Amino acid sequence: MANYYDSKDLGKFSTMGEKAPEEWENFMKFYAPLFEDGALTAREKALIALAVAGAVQCPYCIDSYTKSCLQQGVTEEEMSEAFFVAAALRGGATLVHGVQMKNIVKKLNM
């Protein structure tokens, strides 16, 4: 396999329910409606999902939600900006955890 992730595997997502049909059904009852219009539009939800996919580094989700965003009329510029927002949060979350390091240093130097 040239790549660890094979884009063809995204189409096999539903096979996860083959040996656990009740769990799959429960997951889909939860998952599918979340992407319908509600307080947020389906477009906004697709863009949020794409940014989260980038933050959690799921290539299958990036593939799926990029397509979803395009279908919802999201531009490449909007998707790019969403990735930068996700990167800023991930970077900021890393830095803020530096406070834990500083607390330990302070405690050990007492």
Protein backbone atom coordinates (compact mmCIF):
# COMPACT_ATOMS: atom_id res chain seq x y z
CA MET A 1 0.00 0.00 0.00
CA ALA A 2 1.51 3.30 -1.10
CA ASN A 3 -0.33 5.23 1.60
CA TYR A 4 -1.54 4.13 5.00
CA TYR A 5 -4.92 5.70 4.32
CA ASP A 6 -6.73 4.58 1.18
CA SER A 7 -9.44 6.96 -0.02
CA LYS A 8 -11.47 3.94 -1.17
CA ASP A 9 -11.87 2.98 2.49
CA LEU A 10 -14.17 5.95 3.06
CA GLY A 11 -16.79 4.12 1.02
CA LYS A 12 -16.49 1.18 3.41
CA PHE A 13 -17.56 3.24 6.44
CA SER A 14 -20.94 1.55 6.72
CA THR A 15 -19.32 -1.87 6.95
CA MET A 16 -18.54 -0.99 10.55
CA GLY A 17 -22.11 -1.99 11.32
CA GLU A 18 -21.87 -5.49 9.86
CA LYS A 19 -20.91 -7.16 13.14
CA ALA A 20 -22.46 -4.55 15.41
CA PRO A 21 -25.74 -3.57 13.73
CA GLU A 22 -27.44 -2.18 16.83
CA GLU A 23 -24.47 0.02 17.66
CA TRP A 24 -24.30 1.20 14.03
CA GLU A 25 -27.99 2.03 14.00
CA ASN A 26 -27.68 3.98 17.25
CA PHE A 27 -24.64 5.83 15.95
CA MET A 28 -26.42 6.78 12.73
CA LYS A 29 -29.52 7.95 14.64
CA PHE A 30 -27.20 10.29 16.53
CA TYR A 31 -24.82 11.24 13.69
CA ALA A 32 -26.95 11.85 10.60
CA PRO A 33 -29.44 14.40 12.02
CA LEU A 34 -26.62 16.52 13.41
CA PHE A 35 -25.76 17.68 9.90
CA GLU A 36 -29.25 18.88 9.02
CA ASP A 37 -30.32 22.51 9.34
CA GLY A 38 -31.02 23.55 12.91
CA ALA A 39 -29.83 26.56 14.85
CA LEU A 40 -26.82 26.23 12.54
CA THR A 41 -27.26 25.66 8.83
CA ALA A 42 -26.07 22.46 7.18
CA ARG A 43 -23.46 24.67 5.46
CA GLU A 44 -22.13 25.98 8.77
CA LYS A 45 -22.08 22.49 10.24
CA ALA A 46 -20.13 21.14 7.26
CA LEU A 47 -17.54 23.90 7.68
CA ILE A 48 -17.23 23.23 11.42
CA ALA A 49 -16.88 19.50 10.71
CA LEU A 50 -14.13 20.20 8.18
CA ALA A 51 -12.19 22.37 10.63
CA VAL A 52 -12.51 19.73 13.35
CA ALA A 53 -11.42 17.07 10.84
CA GLY A 54 -8.29 19.08 10.24
CA ALA A 55 -7.64 19.48 13.96
CA VAL A 56 -8.05 15.76 14.67
CA GLN A 57 -6.20 14.95 11.43
CA CYS A 58 -8.72 12.49 10.01
CA PRO A 59 -8.03 12.15 6.28
CA TYR A 60 -11.35 10.40 5.68
CA CYS A 61 -13.25 13.21 7.41
CA ILE A 62 -11.27 15.83 5.50
CA ASP A 63 -12.20 14.06 2.27
CA SER A 64 -15.86 13.72 3.21
CA TYR A 65 -16.39 17.19 4.64
CA THR A 66 -14.46 18.95 1.88
CA LYS A 67 -16.93 17.41 -0.55
CA SER A 68 -19.83 18.29 1.74
CA CYS A 69 -18.62 21.88 2.02
CA LEU A 70 -18.36 22.19 -1.75
CA GLN A 71 -21.89 20.81 -2.12
CA GLN A 72 -23.07 23.41 0.42
CA GLY A 73 -21.44 26.24 -1.53
CA VAL A 74 -18.48 26.80 0.81
CA THR A 75 -15.55 28.35 -1.04
CA GLU A 76 -11.97 27.14 -0.90
CA GLU A 77 -11.07 30.44 0.76
CA GLU A 78 -13.63 29.83 3.53
CA MET A 79 -12.37 26.27 4.03
CA SER A 80 -8.76 27.48 4.18
CA GLU A 81 -9.66 30.11 6.76
CA ALA A 82 -11.48 27.48 8.84
CA PHE A 83 -8.30 25.36 8.83
CA PHE A 84 -6.31 28.34 10.12
CA VAL A 85 -8.84 28.85 12.91
CA ALA A 86 -8.52 25.16 13.84
CA ALA A 87 -4.70 25.45 13.73
CA ALA A 88 -4.78 28.51 15.98
CA LEU A 89 -6.92 26.71 18.54
CA ARG A 90 -4.75 23.62 18.46
CA GLY A 91 -1.61 25.72 18.80
CA GLY A 92 -3.13 27.83 21.55
CA ALA A 93 -4.27 24.74 23.43
CA THR A 94 -0.73 23.41 23.30
CA LEU A 95 0.71 26.67 24.59
CA VAL A 96 -1.82 27.10 27.38
CA HIS A 97 -0.82 23.65 28.65
CA GLY A 98 2.59 25.20 29.17
CA VAL A 99 1.03 26.75 32.28
CA GLN A 100 1.00 23.21 33.73
CA MET A 101 4.76 23.04 33.14
CA LYS A 102 5.23 26.40 34.80
CA ASN A 103 3.15 25.26 37.82
CA ILE A 104 5.33 22.15 38.20
CA VAL A 105 8.54 24.20 37.90
CA LYS A 106 7.24 26.62 40.53
CA LYS A 107 6.23 23.77 42.85
CA LEU A 108 9.59 21.98 42.50
CA ASN A 109 11.56 25.19 43.06
CA MET A 110 9.79 26.01 46.32
